[in-house]
Amino acid sequence: MSLNAVSFQQISRILDVTDGLGLNREWVEIPLSPETPGLVRKLPNGKLEIIVDADQPFEEWLGTLDQHIRRAQTT
């Protein structure tokens, strides 16, 4: 089943991951609309955009988020 919108609880879980990596919440953008595929990228303004994957189970996607964040920070 596809995810139609990112919930407040899911945003809180994502922010737990970013907090654990020492990222300032002011520099993290999480759109409310998931996409396929989801992605993590550094925006031109330096902020980190985290787009939740619409088709992958959220818990599975969340388990790999820290790896995607680290990869985006090095590019």
PDB file of N, CA and C in Angstrom:
ATOM      1  N   MET A   1       0.835  -1.183   0.000  1.00  0.00           N
ATOM      2  CA  MET A   1       0.000   0.000   0.000  1.00  0.00           C
ATOM      3  C   MET A   1       0.881   1.249   0.000  1.00  0.00           C
ATOM      4  N   SER A   2       0.581   2.189  -0.861  1.00  0.00           N
ATOM      5  CA  SER A   2       1.343   3.424  -0.978  1.00  0.00           C
ATOM      6  C   SER A   2       1.011   4.394   0.149  1.00  0.00           C
ATOM      7  N   LEU A   3       2.034   5.132   0.549  1.00  0.00           N
ATOM      8  CA  LEU A   3       1.876   6.184   1.541  1.00  0.00           C
ATOM      9  C   LEU A   3       1.414   7.439   0.815  1.00  0.00           C
ATOM     10  N   ASN A   4       0.337   8.072   1.299  1.00  0.00           N
ATOM     11  CA  ASN A   4      -0.216   9.258   0.641  1.00  0.00           C
ATOM     12  C   ASN A   4       0.282  10.562   1.228  1.00  0.00           C
ATOM     13  N   ALA A   5       0.606  10.552   2.518  1.00  0.00           N
ATOM     14  CA  ALA A   5       1.086  11.757   3.193  1.00  0.00           C
ATOM     15  C   ALA A   5       1.976  11.339   4.356  1.00  0.00           C
ATOM     16  N   VAL A   6       2.916  12.200   4.683  1.00  0.00           N
ATOM     17  CA  VAL A   6       3.815  11.949   5.806  1.00  0.00           C
ATOM     18  C   VAL A   6       3.140  12.498   7.063  1.00  0.00           C
ATOM     19  N   SER A   7       2.994  11.663   8.076  1.00  0.00           N
ATOM     20  CA  SER A   7       2.305  12.068   9.305  1.00  0.00           C
ATOM     21  C   SER A   7       3.253  12.802  10.256  1.00  0.00           C
ATOM     22  N   PHE A   8       2.655  13.493  11.220  1.00  0.00           N
ATOM     23  CA  PHE A   8       3.452  14.183  12.237  1.00  0.00           C
ATOM     24  C   PHE A   8       4.323  13.177  12.990  1.00  0.00           C
ATOM     25  N   GLN A   9       3.771  12.010  13.296  1.00  0.00           N
ATOM     26  CA  GLN A   9       4.538  10.975  14.006  1.00  0.00           C
ATOM     27  C   GLN A   9       5.740  10.526  13.166  1.00  0.00           C
ATOM     28  N   GLN A  10       5.555  10.373  11.867  1.00  0.00           N
ATOM     29  CA  GLN A  10       6.663   9.976  10.995  1.00  0.00           C
ATOM     30  C   GLN A  10       7.718  11.088  10.913  1.00  0.00           C
ATOM     31  N   ILE A  11       7.276  12.332  10.844  1.00  0.00           N
ATOM     32  CA  ILE A  11       8.220  13.451  10.847  1.00  0.00           C
ATOM     33  C   ILE A  11       9.028  13.448  12.139  1.00  0.00           C
ATOM     34  N   SER A  12       8.377  13.193  13.250  1.00  0.00           N
ATOM     35  CA  SER A  12       9.078  13.131  14.541  1.00  0.00           C
ATOM     36  C   SER A  12      10.133  12.035  14.537  1.00  0.00           C
ATOM     37  N   ARG A  13       9.815  10.896  13.956  1.00  0.00           N
ATOM     38  CA  ARG A  13      10.774   9.787  13.876  1.00  0.00           C
ATOM     39  C   ARG A  13      11.961  10.159  12.995  1.00  0.00           C
ATOM     40  N   ILE A  14      11.698  10.844  11.871  1.00  0.00           N
ATOM     41  CA  ILE A  14      12.771  11.305  10.987  1.00  0.00           C
ATOM     42  C   ILE A  14      13.660  12.292  11.730  1.00  0.00           C
ATOM     43  N   LEU A  15      13.046  13.214  12.465  1.00  0.00           N
ATOM     44  CA  LEU A  15      13.819  14.203  13.220  1.00  0.00           C
ATOM     45  C   LEU A  15      14.632  13.551  14.335  1.00  0.00           C
ATOM     46  N   ASP A  16      14.164  12.449  14.882  1.00  0.00           N
ATOM     47  CA  ASP A  16      14.970  11.704  15.866  1.00  0.00           C
ATOM     48  C   ASP A  16      16.273  11.239  15.221  1.00  0.00           C
ATOM     49  N   VAL A  17      16.182  10.785  13.969  1.00  0.00           N
ATOM     50  CA  VAL A  17      17.381  10.336  13.253  1.00  0.00           C
ATOM     51  C   VAL A  17      18.308  11.515  12.989  1.00  0.00           C
ATOM     52  N   THR A  18      17.755  12.621  12.487  1.00  0.00           N
ATOM     53  CA  THR A  18      18.603  13.778  12.182  1.00  0.00           C
ATOM     54  C   THR A  18      19.207  14.371  13.452  1.00  0.00           C
ATOM     55  N   ASP A  19      18.439  14.373  14.539  1.00  0.00           N
ATOM     56  CA  ASP A  19      18.976  14.846  15.825  1.00  0.00           C
ATOM     57  C   ASP A  19      20.152  13.986  16.261  1.00  0.00           C
ATOM     58  N   GLY A  20      20.006  12.680  16.092  1.00  0.00           N
ATOM     59  CA  GLY A  20      21.066  11.746  16.473  1.00  0.00           C
ATOM     60  C   GLY A  20      22.344  11.952  15.671  1.00  0.00           C
ATOM     61  N   LEU A  21      22.200  12.525  14.479  1.00  0.00           N
ATOM     62  CA  LEU A  21      23.362  12.811  13.641  1.00  0.00           C
ATOM     63  C   LEU A  21      23.895  14.224  13.874  1.00  0.00           C
ATOM     64  N   GLY A  22      23.261  14.941  14.806  1.00  0.00           N
ATOM     65  CA  GLY A  22      23.725  16.290  15.145  1.00  0.00           C
ATOM     66  C   GLY A  22      23.325  17.360  14.143  1.00  0.00           C
ATOM     67  N   LEU A  23      22.288  17.095  13.352  1.00  0.00           N
ATOM     68  CA  LEU A  23      21.842  18.082  12.372  1.00  0.00           C
ATOM     69  C   LEU A  23      20.875  19.077  13.001  1.00  0.00           C
ATOM     70  N   ASN A  24      21.031  20.334  12.650  1.00  0.00           N
ATOM     71  CA  ASN A  24      20.143  21.385  13.118  1.00  0.00           C
ATOM     72  C   ASN A  24      18.809  21.254  12.388  1.00  0.00           C
ATOM     73  N   ARG A  25      17.711  21.231  13.115  1.00  0.00           N
ATOM     74  CA  ARG A  25      16.390  21.057  12.502  1.00  0.00           C
ATOM     75  C   ARG A  25      16.046  22.185  11.530  1.00  0.00           C
ATOM     76  N   GLU A  26      16.628  23.349  11.730  1.00  0.00           N
ATOM     77  CA  GLU A  26      16.381  24.480  10.831  1.00  0.00           C
ATOM     78  C   GLU A  26      16.911  24.191   9.425  1.00  0.00           C
ATOM     79  N   TRP A  27      17.841  23.248   9.305  1.00  0.00           N
ATOM     80  CA  TRP A  27      18.482  22.948   8.034  1.00  0.00           C
ATOM     81  C   TRP A  27      17.971  21.658   7.412  1.00  0.00           C
ATOM     82  N   VAL A  28      16.817  21.181   7.898  1.00  0.00           N
ATOM     83  CA  VAL A  28      16.220  19.947   7.375  1.00  0.00           C
ATOM     84  C   VAL A  28      14.817  20.265   6.852  1.00  0.00           C
ATOM     85  N   GLU A  29      14.556  19.871   5.623  1.00  0.00           N
ATOM     86  CA  GLU A  29      13.227  20.028   5.035  1.00  0.00           C
ATOM     87  C   GLU A  29      12.642  18.651   4.754  1.00  0.00           C
ATOM     88  N   ILE A  30      11.397  18.451   5.204  1.00  0.00           N
ATOM     89  CA  ILE A  30      10.706  17.177   5.000  1.00  0.00           C
ATOM     90  C   ILE A  30       9.359  17.479   4.343  1.00  0.00           C
ATOM     91  N   PRO A  31       9.257  17.326   3.016  1.00  0.00           N
ATOM     92  CA  PRO A  31       7.967  17.557   2.358  1.00  0.00           C
ATOM     93  C   PRO A  31       6.904  16.589   2.882  1.00  0.00           C
ATOM     94  N   LEU A  32       5.662  17.056   2.916  1.00  0.00           N
ATOM     95  CA  LEU A  32       4.563  16.229   3.411  1.00  0.00           C
ATOM     96  C   LEU A  32       4.081  15.207   2.392  1.00  0.00           C
ATOM     97  N   SER A  33       4.504  15.352   1.150  1.00  0.00           N
ATOM     98  CA  SER A  33       4.110  14.414   0.092  1.00  0.00           C
ATOM     99  C   SER A  33       5.250  13.444  -0.189  1.00  0.00           C
ATOM    100  N   PRO A  34       5.036  12.160   0.071  1.00  0.00           N
ATOM    101  CA  PRO A  34       6.063  11.170  -0.267  1.00  0.00           C
ATOM    102  C   PRO A  34       6.146  10.990  -1.778  1.00  0.00           C
ATOM    103  N   GLU A  35       7.260  10.460  -2.250  1.00  0.00           N
ATOM    104  CA  GLU A  35       7.467  10.215  -3.679  1.00  0.00           C
ATOM    105  C   GLU A  35       8.089   8.838  -3.882  1.00  0.00           C
ATOM    106  N   THR A  36       8.022   8.375  -5.120  1.00  0.00           N
ATOM    107  CA  THR A  36       8.677   7.126  -5.488  1.00  0.00           C
ATOM    108  C   THR A  36       9.690   7.432  -6.567  1.00  0.00           C
ATOM    109  N   PRO A  37      10.945   7.182  -6.360  1.00  0.00           N
ATOM    110  CA  PRO A  37      11.515   6.742  -5.076  1.00  0.00           C
ATOM    111  C   PRO A  37      11.693   7.929  -4.136  1.00  0.00           C
ATOM    112  N   GLY A  38      11.830   7.635  -2.849  1.00  0.00           N
ATOM    113  CA  GLY A  38      12.173   8.671  -1.886  1.00  0.00           C
ATOM    114  C   GLY A  38      13.627   9.051  -2.080  1.00  0.00           C
ATOM    115  N   LEU A  39      14.020  10.177  -1.535  1.00  0.00           N
ATOM    116  CA  LEU A  39      15.413  10.564  -1.683  1.00  0.00           C
ATOM    117  C   LEU A  39      15.843  11.521  -0.593  1.00  0.00           C
ATOM    118  N   VAL A  40      17.152  11.614  -0.436  1.00  0.00           N
ATOM    119  CA  VAL A  40      17.767  12.567   0.485  1.00  0.00           C
ATOM    120  C   VAL A  40      18.798  13.311  -0.339  1.00  0.00           C
ATOM    121  N   ARG A  41      18.705  14.644  -0.343  1.00  0.00           N
ATOM    122  CA  ARG A  41      19.655  15.427  -1.128  1.00  0.00           C
ATOM    123  C   ARG A  41      19.934  16.762  -0.467  1.00  0.00           C
ATOM    124  N   LYS A  42      21.085  17.282  -0.791  1.00  0.00           N
ATOM    125  CA  LYS A  42      21.455  18.602  -0.320  1.00  0.00           C
ATOM    126  C   LYS A  42      20.943  19.609  -1.345  1.00  0.00           C
ATOM    127  N   LEU A  43      20.188  20.599  -0.865  1.00  0.00           N
ATOM    128  CA  LEU A  43      19.643  21.625  -1.733  1.00  0.00           C
ATOM    129  C   LEU A  43      20.687  22.709  -2.008  1.00  0.00           C
ATOM    130  N   PRO A  44      20.496  23.514  -3.050  1.00  0.00           N
ATOM    131  CA  PRO A  44      21.444  24.580  -3.352  1.00  0.00           C
ATOM    132  C   PRO A  44      21.668  25.561  -2.196  1.00  0.00           C
ATOM    133  N   ASN A  45      20.668  25.724  -1.330  1.00  0.00           N
ATOM    134  CA  ASN A  45      20.806  26.632  -0.188  1.00  0.00           C
ATOM    135  C   ASN A  45      21.516  25.983   1.003  1.00  0.00           C
ATOM    136  N   GLY A  46      21.960  24.729   0.833  1.00  0.00           N
ATOM    137  CA  GLY A  46      22.690  24.025   1.881  1.00  0.00           C
ATOM    138  C   GLY A  46      21.821  23.167   2.785  1.00  0.00           C
ATOM    139  N   LYS A  47      20.496  23.333   2.701  1.00  0.00           N
ATOM    140  CA  LYS A  47      19.602  22.523   3.530  1.00  0.00           C
ATOM    141  C   LYS A  47      19.553  21.090   3.007  1.00  0.00           C
ATOM    142  N   LEU A  48      19.143  20.186   3.879  1.00  0.00           N
ATOM    143  CA  LEU A  48      18.996  18.783   3.525  1.00  0.00           C
ATOM    144  C   LEU A  48      17.511  18.498   3.325  1.00  0.00           C
ATOM    145  N   GLU A  49      17.154  17.997   2.147  1.00  0.00           N
ATOM    146  CA  GLU A  49      15.768  17.645   1.861  1.00  0.00           C
ATOM    147  C   GLU A  49      15.615  16.132   1.990  1.00  0.00           C
ATOM    148  N   ILE A  50      14.647  15.727   2.789  1.00  0.00           N
ATOM    149  CA  ILE A  50      14.389  14.303   3.024  1.00  0.00           C
ATOM    150  C   ILE A  50      12.975  14.006   2.527  1.00  0.00           C
ATOM    151  N   ILE A  51      12.889  13.255   1.435  1.00  0.00           N
ATOM    152  CA  ILE A  51      11.594  12.892   0.855  1.00  0.00           C
ATOM    153  C   ILE A  51      11.335  11.424   1.154  1.00  0.00           C
ATOM    154  N   VAL A  52      10.273  11.172   1.886  1.00  0.00           N
ATOM    155  CA  VAL A  52       9.907   9.810   2.277  1.00  0.00           C
ATOM    156  C   VAL A  52       9.487   9.026   1.034  1.00  0.00           C
ATOM    157  N   ASP A  53       9.909   7.762   0.977  1.00  0.00           N
ATOM    158  CA  ASP A  53       9.525   6.877  -0.115  1.00  0.00           C
ATOM    159  C   ASP A  53       8.062   6.470   0.044  1.00  0.00           C
ATOM    160  N   ALA A  54       7.277   6.644  -1.015  1.00  0.00           N
ATOM    161  CA  ALA A  54       5.845   6.347  -0.961  1.00  0.00           C
ATOM    162  C   ALA A  54       5.536   4.856  -0.980  1.00  0.00           C
ATOM    163  N   ASP A  55       6.409   4.044  -1.575  1.00  0.00           N
ATOM    164  CA  ASP A  55       6.099   2.624  -1.750  1.00  0.00           C
ATOM    165  C   ASP A  55       6.809   1.685  -0.786  1.00  0.00           C
ATOM    166  N   GLN A  56       7.946   2.106  -0.269  1.00  0.00           N
ATOM    167  CA  GLN A  56       8.692   1.259   0.672  1.00  0.00           C
ATOM    168  C   GLN A  56       8.057   1.389   2.056  1.00  0.00           C
ATOM    169  N   PRO A  57       7.926   0.300   2.804  1.00  0.00           N
ATOM    170  CA  PRO A  57       7.386   0.411   4.166  1.00  0.00           C
ATOM    171  C   PRO A  57       8.204   1.421   4.981  1.00  0.00           C
ATOM    172  N   PHE A  58       7.511   2.301   5.706  1.00  0.00           N
ATOM    173  CA  PHE A  58       8.176   3.403   6.400  1.00  0.00           C
ATOM    174  C   PHE A  58       9.279   2.926   7.326  1.00  0.00           C
ATOM    175  N   GLU A  59       9.023   1.895   8.122  1.00  0.00           N
ATOM    176  CA  GLU A  59      10.037   1.421   9.081  1.00  0.00           C
ATOM    177  C   GLU A  59      11.291   0.937   8.363  1.00  0.00           C
ATOM    178  N   GLU A  60      11.100   0.269   7.250  1.00  0.00           N
ATOM    179  CA  GLU A  60      12.235  -0.208   6.462  1.00  0.00           C
ATOM    180  C   GLU A  60      13.014   0.984   5.905  1.00  0.00           C
ATOM    181  N   TRP A  61      12.307   1.950   5.356  1.00  0.00           N
ATOM    182  CA  TRP A  61      12.939   3.150   4.802  1.00  0.00           C
ATOM    183  C   TRP A  61      13.676   3.919   5.906  1.00  0.00           C
ATOM    184  N   LEU A  62      13.039   4.073   7.063  1.00  0.00           N
ATOM    185  CA  LEU A  62      13.635   4.804   8.183  1.00  0.00           C
ATOM    186  C   LEU A  62      14.929   4.139   8.648  1.00  0.00           C
ATOM    187  N   GLY A  63      14.989   2.819   8.582  1.00  0.00           N
ATOM    188  CA  GLY A  63      16.183   2.085   9.003  1.00  0.00           C
ATOM    189  C   GLY A  63      17.407   2.370   8.157  1.00  0.00           C
ATOM    190  N   THR A  64      17.205   2.879   6.951  1.00  0.00           N
ATOM    191  CA  THR A  64      18.331   3.205   6.069  1.00  0.00           C
ATOM    192  C   THR A  64      18.564   4.708   5.956  1.00  0.00           C
ATOM    193  N   LEU A  65      17.747   5.503   6.632  1.00  0.00           N
ATOM    194  CA  LEU A  65      17.815   6.959   6.479  1.00  0.00           C
ATOM    195  C   LEU A  65      19.171   7.539   6.851  1.00  0.00           C
ATOM    196  N   ASP A  66      19.757   7.080   7.943  1.00  0.00           N
ATOM    197  CA  ASP A  66      21.050   7.647   8.347  1.00  0.00           C
ATOM    198  C   ASP A  66      22.114   7.438   7.272  1.00  0.00           C
ATOM    199  N   GLN A  67      22.091   6.290   6.602  1.00  0.00           N
ATOM    200  CA  GLN A  67      23.046   6.037   5.514  1.00  0.00           C
ATOM    201  C   GLN A  67      22.830   7.004   4.353  1.00  0.00           C
ATOM    202  N   HIS A  68      21.574   7.248   4.021  1.00  0.00           N
ATOM    203  CA  HIS A  68      21.255   8.169   2.928  1.00  0.00           C
ATOM    204  C   HIS A  68      21.659   9.605   3.281  1.00  0.00           C
ATOM    205  N   ILE A  69      21.486   9.983   4.535  1.00  0.00           N
ATOM    206  CA  ILE A  69      21.878  11.323   4.978  1.00  0.00           C
ATOM    207  C   ILE A  69      23.390  11.478   4.886  1.00  0.00           C
ATOM    208  N   ARG A  70      24.113  10.509   5.377  1.00  0.00           N
ATOM    209  CA  ARG A  70      25.589  10.580   5.325  1.00  0.00           C
ATOM    210  C   ARG A  70      26.074  10.671   3.868  1.00  0.00           C
ATOM    211  N   ARG A  71      25.462   9.902   2.996  1.00  0.00           N
ATOM    212  CA  ARG A  71      25.844   9.928   1.586  1.00  0.00           C
ATOM    213  C   ARG A  71      25.560  11.299   0.974  1.00  0.00           C
ATOM    214  N   ALA A  72      24.410  11.881   1.284  1.00  0.00           N
ATOM    215  CA  ALA A  72      24.047  13.193   0.738  1.00  0.00           C
ATOM    216  C   ALA A  72      24.968  14.288   1.248  1.00  0.00           C
ATOM    217  N   GLN A  73      25.455  14.153   2.468  1.00  0.00           N
ATOM    218  CA  GLN A  73      26.330  15.174   3.044  1.00  0.00           C
ATOM    219  C   GLN A  73      27.704  15.185   2.396  1.00  0.00           C
ATOM    220  N   THR A  74      28.109  14.067   1.806  1.00  0.00           N
ATOM    221  CA  THR A  74      29.449  13.997   1.206  1.00  0.00           C
ATOM    222  C   THR A  74      29.443  14.371  -0.268  1.00  0.00           C
ATOM    223  N   THR A  75      28.266  14.585  -0.836  1.00  0.00           N
ATOM    224  CA  THR A  75      28.212  14.953  -2.261  1.00  0.00           C
ATOM    225  C   THR A  75      28.013  16.429  -2.449  1.00  0.00           C
TER     226      THR A  75
END
